[in-house]
Amino acid sequence: MSKRTKSIYLVLKGQQPGIYTQWEGPQGAKAQVEGVRGAIYKGFYTAKEACNWLKSQTHQPLPPTLQQWLVEQESTGTDNDMDSLVKNHLHNHGIVIFTDGSSLGNPGPGGYAAVILTSQTRRELSGGFRFTTNNRMELMACIAALESLQPPAQVLVITDSAYVYRPTTEGWLLRWANTNWKRRDGTTIENVDLWQRLYRLCQIFRVEFHWIKGHNATVENERCDRLALNAAHLPSLPEDPGYRFFQSNSTK
């Protein structure tokens, strides 16, 4: 079987941001990012993957060339064919997980939820904590769903959280694991207990993460949102020990 090669490279921050169809050479993406401090770029196999990544980059405005490209891709319907993505994964005997998390007050009472699909089954799970954050609940939704599975499995996790999506697809998670979960300034990353759990699960399962826009009429994503909110409102929620541990240590 021939090796699959990437066909699209997006340079969000570099000498000349834009869309490139090759990595090497003077007209390639590599020439635009080499030597550029803080360069932001990524290669993709399909336009759909590229669009999803680009729409998750909510931390800074898109350059005009990339804005126009995204509009063109959306107009041709190649950006987010969720039905096709899910059906193809299930057809290949994979598992699809939709996730969501929320916190009332952030921090405050929080809930997480997941819908887990196979070609034959559909099930839901949810839970919550008395005092936690939205980011912790987004992570916990992925963790709880993956921990409910039996290996081996090929899993597609669909999330509307850029907080979850970017570290898992841009190499941050692996870098954190290789640097003892420290930032470049030597401090421990936030929510390290959950990132470590997610990292271990990604070693057990073949996990691919896919980002979608929240509250965009995706049925299972909307269902997760409702389940997570309902869980956050439940009485007598347990304590989130990881959140309390991080807070107490971050103030020392």
C-alpha atoms as a PDB file:
ATOM      1  CA  MET A   1       0.000   0.000   0.000  1.00  0.00           C
ATOM      2  CA  SER A   2       1.417   3.411  -0.984  1.00  0.00           C
ATOM      3  CA  LYS A   3       1.972   5.990   1.709  1.00  0.00           C
ATOM      4  CA  ARG A   4      -0.731   8.651   1.920  1.00  0.00           C
ATOM      5  CA  THR A   5       0.648  12.135   1.331  1.00  0.00           C
ATOM      6  CA  LYS A   6      -0.667  15.497   2.436  1.00  0.00           C
ATOM      7  CA  SER A   7      -2.002  17.681  -0.359  1.00  0.00           C
ATOM      8  CA  ILE A   8      -2.825  20.963   1.397  1.00  0.00           C
ATOM      9  CA  TYR A   9      -0.727  23.131   3.715  1.00  0.00           C
ATOM     10  CA  LEU A  10      -2.217  26.132   5.493  1.00  0.00           C
ATOM     11  CA  VAL A  11       0.097  28.837   6.828  1.00  0.00           C
ATOM     12  CA  LEU A  12      -1.795  30.932   9.348  1.00  0.00           C
ATOM     13  CA  LYS A  13       1.259  32.811  10.588  1.00  0.00           C
ATOM     14  CA  GLY A  14       4.423  32.982   8.518  1.00  0.00           C
ATOM     15  CA  GLN A  15       6.234  35.098   5.963  1.00  0.00           C
ATOM     16  CA  GLN A  16       3.272  34.852   3.602  1.00  0.00           C
ATOM     17  CA  PRO A  17       0.127  33.259   5.078  1.00  0.00           C
ATOM     18  CA  GLY A  18      -1.944  31.287   2.629  1.00  0.00           C
ATOM     19  CA  ILE A  19      -2.712  27.916   1.045  1.00  0.00           C
ATOM     20  CA  TYR A  20       0.096  25.784  -0.380  1.00  0.00           C
ATOM     21  CA  THR A  21      -0.039  22.501  -2.267  1.00  0.00           C
ATOM     22  CA  GLN A  22       3.502  21.360  -1.416  1.00  0.00           C
ATOM     23  CA  TRP A  23       5.831  21.410   1.572  1.00  0.00           C
ATOM     24  CA  GLU A  24       9.275  21.560  -0.043  1.00  0.00           C
ATOM     25  CA  GLY A  25      10.615  24.025  -2.592  1.00  0.00           C
ATOM     26  CA  PRO A  26      10.586  27.818  -2.965  1.00  0.00           C
ATOM     27  CA  GLN A  27       6.814  27.777  -3.562  1.00  0.00           C
ATOM     28  CA  GLY A  28       6.152  25.417  -0.669  1.00  0.00           C
ATOM     29  CA  ALA A  29       4.887  26.006   2.851  1.00  0.00           C
ATOM     30  CA  LYS A  30       8.223  25.185   4.457  1.00  0.00           C
ATOM     31  CA  ALA A  31       9.804  28.297   2.955  1.00  0.00           C
ATOM     32  CA  GLN A  32       7.092  30.427   4.576  1.00  0.00           C
ATOM     33  CA  VAL A  33       7.580  29.159   8.139  1.00  0.00           C
ATOM     34  CA  GLU A  34      11.293  28.388   8.477  1.00  0.00           C
ATOM     35  CA  GLY A  35      12.909  30.875  10.823  1.00  0.00           C
ATOM     36  CA  VAL A  36       9.592  32.545  11.691  1.00  0.00           C
ATOM     37  CA  ARG A  37       9.150  32.686  15.442  1.00  0.00           C
ATOM     38  CA  GLY A  38       5.731  31.475  16.502  1.00  0.00           C
ATOM     39  CA  ALA A  39       4.796  30.282  13.016  1.00  0.00           C
ATOM     40  CA  ILE A  40       1.396  28.593  12.830  1.00  0.00           C
ATOM     41  CA  TYR A  41       0.862  26.042  10.066  1.00  0.00           C
ATOM     42  CA  LYS A  42      -0.416  22.537   9.414  1.00  0.00           C
ATOM     43  CA  GLY A  43      -0.647  20.015   6.589  1.00  0.00           C
ATOM     44  CA  PHE A  44      -3.789  18.085   5.620  1.00  0.00           C
ATOM     45  CA  TYR A  45      -4.872  15.206   3.430  1.00  0.00           C
ATOM     46  CA  THR A  46      -8.211  16.788   2.448  1.00  0.00           C
ATOM     47  CA  ALA A  47      -9.823  20.211   2.143  1.00  0.00           C
ATOM     48  CA  LYS A  48     -12.420  19.134   4.708  1.00  0.00           C
ATOM     49  CA  GLU A  49      -9.736  18.540   7.334  1.00  0.00           C
ATOM     50  CA  ALA A  50      -8.094  21.859   6.487  1.00  0.00           C
ATOM     51  CA  CYS A  51     -11.370  23.758   6.823  1.00  0.00           C
ATOM     52  CA  ASN A  52     -12.140  22.234  10.197  1.00  0.00           C
ATOM     53  CA  TRP A  53      -8.707  23.129  11.539  1.00  0.00           C
ATOM     54  CA  LEU A  54      -8.920  26.655  10.174  1.00  0.00           C
ATOM     55  CA  LYS A  55     -12.313  27.252  11.794  1.00  0.00           C
ATOM     56  CA  SER A  56     -10.948  26.089  15.139  1.00  0.00           C
ATOM     57  CA  GLN A  57      -8.264  28.800  15.126  1.00  0.00           C
ATOM     58  CA  THR A  58     -10.321  31.268  17.134  1.00  0.00           C
ATOM     59  CA  HIS A  59      -7.354  32.869  18.938  1.00  0.00           C
ATOM     60  CA  GLN A  60      -6.557  35.387  16.187  1.00  0.00           C
ATOM     61  CA  PRO A  61      -8.125  36.872  13.018  1.00  0.00           C
ATOM     62  CA  LEU A  62      -7.653  34.944   9.791  1.00  0.00           C
ATOM     63  CA  PRO A  63      -5.578  36.539   7.027  1.00  0.00           C
ATOM     64  CA  PRO A  64      -7.747  37.674   4.065  1.00  0.00           C
ATOM     65  CA  THR A  65      -6.441  34.923   1.757  1.00  0.00           C
ATOM     66  CA  LEU A  66      -7.470  32.228   4.212  1.00  0.00           C
ATOM     67  CA  GLN A  67     -10.813  33.881   4.945  1.00  0.00           C
ATOM     68  CA  GLN A  68     -11.636  33.885   1.236  1.00  0.00           C
ATOM     69  CA  TRP A  69     -10.494  30.287   0.793  1.00  0.00           C
ATOM     70  CA  LEU A  70     -12.683  29.164   3.686  1.00  0.00           C
ATOM     71  CA  VAL A  71     -15.712  30.942   2.211  1.00  0.00           C
ATOM     72  CA  GLU A  72     -15.104  29.272  -1.143  1.00  0.00           C
ATOM     73  CA  GLN A  73     -14.779  25.833   0.433  1.00  0.00           C
ATOM     74  CA  GLU A  74     -17.958  26.286   2.453  1.00  0.00           C
ATOM     75  CA  SER A  75     -19.872  27.371  -0.646  1.00  0.00           C
ATOM     76  CA  THR A  76     -18.909  24.135  -2.395  1.00  0.00           C
ATOM     77  CA  GLY A  77     -19.887  22.011   0.585  1.00  0.00           C
ATOM     78  CA  THR A  78     -16.481  20.466   1.281  1.00  0.00           C
ATOM     79  CA  ASP A  79     -15.989  21.912   4.754  1.00  0.00           C
ATOM     80  CA  ASN A  80     -18.019  19.832   7.161  1.00  0.00           C
ATOM     81  CA  ASP A  81     -19.939  16.887   5.750  1.00  0.00           C
ATOM     82  CA  MET A  82     -20.584  15.367   9.145  1.00  0.00           C
ATOM     83  CA  ASP A  83     -22.944  12.643   7.968  1.00  0.00           C
ATOM     84  CA  SER A  84     -20.390  11.342   5.493  1.00  0.00           C
ATOM     85  CA  LEU A  85     -17.564  11.534   8.031  1.00  0.00           C
ATOM     86  CA  VAL A  86     -19.491   9.580  10.647  1.00  0.00           C
ATOM     87  CA  LYS A  87     -20.886   7.016   8.213  1.00  0.00           C
ATOM     88  CA  ASN A  88     -17.488   6.296   6.699  1.00  0.00           C
ATOM     89  CA  HIS A  89     -15.927   5.793  10.108  1.00  0.00           C
ATOM     90  CA  LEU A  90     -18.687   3.481  11.276  1.00  0.00           C
ATOM     91  CA  HIS A  91     -18.592   1.585   7.982  1.00  0.00           C
ATOM     92  CA  ASN A  92     -14.911   0.870   8.659  1.00  0.00           C
ATOM     93  CA  HIS A  93     -15.837  -0.672  12.051  1.00  0.00           C
ATOM     94  CA  GLY A  94     -14.772   2.387  14.022  1.00  0.00           C
ATOM     95  CA  ILE A  95     -16.400   4.051  17.012  1.00  0.00           C
ATOM     96  CA  VAL A  96     -17.644   7.656  16.878  1.00  0.00           C
ATOM     97  CA  ILE A  97     -17.865   9.750  20.036  1.00  0.00           C
ATOM     98  CA  PHE A  98     -19.548  13.148  20.281  1.00  0.00           C
ATOM     99  CA  THR A  99     -18.556  15.059  23.424  1.00  0.00           C
ATOM    100  CA  ASP A 100     -19.387  18.250  25.281  1.00  0.00           C
ATOM    101  CA  GLY A 101     -18.776  19.827  28.663  1.00  0.00           C
ATOM    102  CA  SER A 102     -20.035  22.871  30.499  1.00  0.00           C
ATOM    103  CA  SER A 103     -19.695  24.715  33.769  1.00  0.00           C
ATOM    104  CA  LEU A 104     -22.232  27.019  35.407  1.00  0.00           C
ATOM    105  CA  GLY A 105     -20.216  30.080  36.323  1.00  0.00           C
ATOM    106  CA  ASN A 106     -16.846  28.672  35.194  1.00  0.00           C
ATOM    107  CA  PRO A 107     -15.781  27.784  37.808  1.00  0.00           C
ATOM    108  CA  GLY A 108     -18.958  26.371  39.246  1.00  0.00           C
ATOM    109  CA  PRO A 109     -21.069  23.224  39.021  1.00  0.00           C
ATOM    110  CA  GLY A 110     -20.070  21.379  35.868  1.00  0.00           C
ATOM    111  CA  GLY A 111     -21.232  18.549  33.668  1.00  0.00           C
ATOM    112  CA  TYR A 112     -19.870  16.424  30.840  1.00  0.00           C
ATOM    113  CA  ALA A 113     -21.537  14.135  28.326  1.00  0.00           C
ATOM    114  CA  ALA A 114     -20.850  11.879  25.384  1.00  0.00           C
ATOM    115  CA  VAL A 115     -22.817  10.015  22.744  1.00  0.00           C
ATOM    116  CA  ILE A 116     -21.031   6.842  21.640  1.00  0.00           C
ATOM    117  CA  LEU A 117     -21.896   5.293  18.286  1.00  0.00           C
ATOM    118  CA  THR A 118     -20.988   2.017  16.623  1.00  0.00           C
ATOM    119  CA  SER A 119     -22.488   0.582  13.447  1.00  0.00           C
ATOM    120  CA  GLN A 120     -24.966  -1.325  15.633  1.00  0.00           C
ATOM    121  CA  THR A 121     -25.415   0.645  18.852  1.00  0.00           C
ATOM    122  CA  ARG A 122     -25.887   4.081  20.364  1.00  0.00           C
ATOM    123  CA  ARG A 123     -25.420   4.957  24.022  1.00  0.00           C
ATOM    124  CA  GLU A 124     -25.111   8.047  26.170  1.00  0.00           C
ATOM    125  CA  LEU A 125     -23.114   8.835  29.285  1.00  0.00           C
ATOM    126  CA  SER A 126     -22.873  11.898  31.479  1.00  0.00           C
ATOM    127  CA  GLY A 127     -21.693  13.055  34.868  1.00  0.00           C
ATOM    128  CA  GLY A 128     -20.688  16.132  36.773  1.00  0.00           C
ATOM    129  CA  PHE A 129     -18.869  17.767  39.667  1.00  0.00           C
ATOM    130  CA  ARG A 130     -19.809  20.256  42.347  1.00  0.00           C
ATOM    131  CA  PHE A 131     -17.142  22.830  41.485  1.00  0.00           C
ATOM    132  CA  THR A 132     -15.049  22.713  38.324  1.00  0.00           C
ATOM    133  CA  THR A 133     -14.406  24.478  34.999  1.00  0.00           C
ATOM    134  CA  ASN A 134     -15.656  24.278  31.441  1.00  0.00           C
ATOM    135  CA  ASN A 135     -12.256  23.139  30.134  1.00  0.00           C
ATOM    136  CA  ARG A 136     -12.066  20.310  32.647  1.00  0.00           C
ATOM    137  CA  MET A 137     -15.520  19.129  31.651  1.00  0.00           C
ATOM    138  CA  GLU A 138     -14.631  19.198  27.939  1.00  0.00           C
ATOM    139  CA  LEU A 139     -11.647  16.976  28.712  1.00  0.00           C
ATOM    140  CA  MET A 140     -13.623  14.774  31.075  1.00  0.00           C
ATOM    141  CA  ALA A 141     -16.226  14.065  28.386  1.00  0.00           C
ATOM    142  CA  CYS A 142     -13.520  12.595  26.132  1.00  0.00           C
ATOM    143  CA  ILE A 143     -11.895  10.684  28.978  1.00  0.00           C
ATOM    144  CA  ALA A 144     -15.095   9.151  30.343  1.00  0.00           C
ATOM    145  CA  ALA A 145     -16.170   8.032  26.877  1.00  0.00           C
ATOM    146  CA  LEU A 146     -12.808   6.471  26.011  1.00  0.00           C
ATOM    147  CA  GLU A 147     -12.535   4.800  29.419  1.00  0.00           C
ATOM    148  CA  SER A 148     -15.895   3.132  28.785  1.00  0.00           C
ATOM    149  CA  LEU A 149     -14.527   1.308  25.705  1.00  0.00           C
ATOM    150  CA  GLN A 150     -12.693  -1.984  25.376  1.00  0.00           C
ATOM    151  CA  PRO A 151      -9.443  -1.961  23.361  1.00  0.00           C
ATOM    152  CA  PRO A 152      -8.515  -2.282  20.634  1.00  0.00           C
ATOM    153  CA  ALA A 153     -10.654   0.284  18.858  1.00  0.00           C
ATOM    154  CA  GLN A 154     -10.340   2.982  16.226  1.00  0.00           C
ATOM    155  CA  VAL A 155     -12.119   6.033  17.607  1.00  0.00           C
ATOM    156  CA  LEU A 156     -13.250   9.314  16.096  1.00  0.00           C
ATOM    157  CA  VAL A 157     -13.847  11.945  18.791  1.00  0.00           C
ATOM    158  CA  ILE A 158     -15.946  14.894  17.632  1.00  0.00           C
ATOM    159  CA  THR A 159     -15.675  17.962  19.862  1.00  0.00           C
ATOM    160  CA  ASP A 160     -16.639  21.620  19.655  1.00  0.00           C
ATOM    161  CA  SER A 161     -13.814  22.535  22.049  1.00  0.00           C
ATOM    162  CA  ALA A 162     -10.686  24.122  20.571  1.00  0.00           C
ATOM    163  CA  TYR A 163      -9.140  23.603  24.024  1.00  0.00           C
ATOM    164  CA  VAL A 164      -9.308  19.842  23.429  1.00  0.00           C
ATOM    165  CA  TYR A 165      -8.821  19.832  19.665  1.00  0.00           C
ATOM    166  CA  ARG A 166      -5.674  21.905  19.235  1.00  0.00           C
ATOM    167  CA  PRO A 167      -3.359  20.081  21.704  1.00  0.00           C
ATOM    168  CA  THR A 168      -4.466  16.680  20.400  1.00  0.00           C
ATOM    169  CA  THR A 169      -3.961  17.528  16.718  1.00  0.00           C
ATOM    170  CA  GLU A 170      -1.075  20.026  16.740  1.00  0.00           C
ATOM    171  CA  GLY A 171       1.456  18.001  18.715  1.00  0.00           C
ATOM    172  CA  TRP A 172       1.126  19.841  22.017  1.00  0.00           C
ATOM    173  CA  LEU A 173      -0.025  16.772  23.949  1.00  0.00           C
ATOM    174  CA  LEU A 174       2.980  14.713  22.868  1.00  0.00           C
ATOM    175  CA  ARG A 175       5.339  17.617  23.615  1.00  0.00           C
ATOM    176  CA  TRP A 176       3.877  18.026  27.109  1.00  0.00           C
ATOM    177  CA  ALA A 177       4.292  14.291  27.769  1.00  0.00           C
ATOM    178  CA  ASN A 178       7.930  14.477  26.635  1.00  0.00           C
ATOM    179  CA  THR A 179       8.701  17.504  28.839  1.00  0.00           C
ATOM    180  CA  ASN A 180       7.195  16.122  32.048  1.00  0.00           C
ATOM    181  CA  TRP A 181       4.001  18.156  31.518  1.00  0.00           C
ATOM    182  CA  LYS A 182       5.790  21.481  31.788  1.00  0.00           C
ATOM    183  CA  ARG A 183       5.426  24.686  29.814  1.00  0.00           C
ATOM    184  CA  ARG A 184       8.474  26.349  28.328  1.00  0.00           C
ATOM    185  CA  ASP A 185       8.702  28.567  31.436  1.00  0.00           C
ATOM    186  CA  GLY A 186       8.925  25.482  33.671  1.00  0.00           C
ATOM    187  CA  THR A 187       5.424  25.671  35.148  1.00  0.00           C
ATOM    188  CA  THR A 188       3.068  22.700  35.057  1.00  0.00           C
ATOM    189  CA  ILE A 189       0.302  22.849  32.477  1.00  0.00           C
ATOM    190  CA  GLU A 190      -3.219  23.481  33.709  1.00  0.00           C
ATOM    191  CA  ASN A 191      -5.456  20.435  34.209  1.00  0.00           C
ATOM    192  CA  VAL A 192      -2.431  18.157  34.025  1.00  0.00           C
ATOM    193  CA  ASP A 193      -4.281  15.284  35.732  1.00  0.00           C
ATOM    194  CA  LEU A 194      -6.826  15.120  32.911  1.00  0.00           C
ATOM    195  CA  TRP A 195      -4.338  15.649  30.095  1.00  0.00           C
ATOM    196  CA  GLN A 196      -2.300  12.727  31.461  1.00  0.00           C
ATOM    197  CA  ARG A 197      -5.372  10.505  31.505  1.00  0.00           C
ATOM    198  CA  LEU A 198      -6.281  11.492  27.965  1.00  0.00           C
ATOM    199  CA  TYR A 199      -2.722  10.898  26.766  1.00  0.00           C
ATOM    200  CA  ARG A 200      -2.701   7.378  28.214  1.00  0.00           C
ATOM    201  CA  LEU A 201      -6.004   6.609  26.505  1.00  0.00           C
ATOM    202  CA  CYS A 202      -4.619   7.834  23.190  1.00  0.00           C
ATOM    203  CA  GLN A 203      -1.833   5.260  23.591  1.00  0.00           C
ATOM    204  CA  ILE A 204      -4.381   2.480  24.138  1.00  0.00           C
ATOM    205  CA  PHE A 205      -6.782   3.412  21.346  1.00  0.00           C
ATOM    206  CA  ARG A 206      -6.266   4.785  17.847  1.00  0.00           C
ATOM    207  CA  VAL A 207      -7.911   8.162  18.395  1.00  0.00           C
ATOM    208  CA  GLU A 208      -8.581  10.881  15.829  1.00  0.00           C
ATOM    209  CA  PHE A 209     -10.015  14.221  16.947  1.00  0.00           C
ATOM    210  CA  HIS A 210     -12.336  16.283  14.776  1.00  0.00           C
ATOM    211  CA  TRP A 211     -13.557  19.812  15.550  1.00  0.00           C
ATOM    212  CA  ILE A 212     -17.037  21.139  14.774  1.00  0.00           C
ATOM    213  CA  LYS A 213     -18.681  24.456  15.484  1.00  0.00           C
ATOM    214  CA  GLY A 214     -20.859  24.307  18.595  1.00  0.00           C
ATOM    215  CA  HIS A 215     -24.613  24.974  18.478  1.00  0.00           C
ATOM    216  CA  ASN A 216     -24.622  24.393  14.740  1.00  0.00           C
ATOM    217  CA  ALA A 217     -27.606  22.009  14.576  1.00  0.00           C
ATOM    218  CA  THR A 218     -25.470  18.857  14.691  1.00  0.00           C
ATOM    219  CA  VAL A 219     -27.917  16.502  16.375  1.00  0.00           C
ATOM    220  CA  GLU A 220     -25.576  14.480  18.571  1.00  0.00           C
ATOM    221  CA  ASN A 221     -23.531  17.534  19.544  1.00  0.00           C
ATOM    222  CA  GLU A 222     -26.715  19.308  20.638  1.00  0.00           C
ATOM    223  CA  ARG A 223     -27.722  16.215  22.593  1.00  0.00           C
ATOM    224  CA  CYS A 224     -24.380  16.223  24.416  1.00  0.00           C
ATOM    225  CA  ASP A 225     -24.850  19.902  25.246  1.00  0.00           C
ATOM    226  CA  ARG A 226     -28.222  19.197  26.876  1.00  0.00           C
ATOM    227  CA  LEU A 227     -26.925  16.169  28.764  1.00  0.00           C
ATOM    228  CA  ALA A 228     -23.932  18.121  30.094  1.00  0.00           C
ATOM    229  CA  LEU A 229     -26.115  21.008  31.252  1.00  0.00           C
ATOM    230  CA  ASN A 230     -28.539  18.614  32.920  1.00  0.00           C
ATOM    231  CA  ALA A 231     -25.657  16.910  34.713  1.00  0.00           C
ATOM    232  CA  ALA A 232     -24.332  20.255  35.965  1.00  0.00           C
ATOM    233  CA  HIS A 233     -27.722  20.967  37.560  1.00  0.00           C
ATOM    234  CA  LEU A 234     -27.952  17.653  39.423  1.00  0.00           C
ATOM    235  CA  PRO A 235     -28.034  17.805  43.237  1.00  0.00           C
ATOM    236  CA  SER A 236     -25.317  16.320  45.443  1.00  0.00           C
ATOM    237  CA  LEU A 237     -22.610  16.300  42.773  1.00  0.00           C
ATOM    238  CA  PRO A 238     -19.237  14.905  43.875  1.00  0.00           C
ATOM    239  CA  GLU A 239     -16.163  17.018  44.358  1.00  0.00           C
ATOM    240  CA  ASP A 240     -13.645  17.387  41.509  1.00  0.00           C
ATOM    241  CA  PRO A 241     -10.414  16.504  43.370  1.00  0.00           C
ATOM    242  CA  GLY A 242      -8.207  17.343  40.409  1.00  0.00           C
ATOM    243  CA  TYR A 243      -9.506  20.895  40.240  1.00  0.00           C
ATOM    244  CA  ARG A 244      -8.994  21.469  43.957  1.00  0.00           C
ATOM    245  CA  PHE A 245      -5.496  19.983  43.782  1.00  0.00           C
ATOM    246  CA  PHE A 246      -4.470  22.225  40.895  1.00  0.00           C
ATOM    247  CA  GLN A 247      -5.912  25.339  42.551  1.00  0.00           C
ATOM    248  CA  SER A 248      -4.157  24.667  45.864  1.00  0.00           C
ATOM    249  CA  ASN A 249      -0.793  24.022  44.201  1.00  0.00           C
ATOM    250  CA  SER A 250      -1.011  26.962  41.770  1.00  0.00           C
ATOM    251  CA  THR A 251      -1.243  29.385  44.713  1.00  0.00           C
ATOM    252  CA  LYS A 252       1.884  28.086  46.473  1.00  0.00           C
END
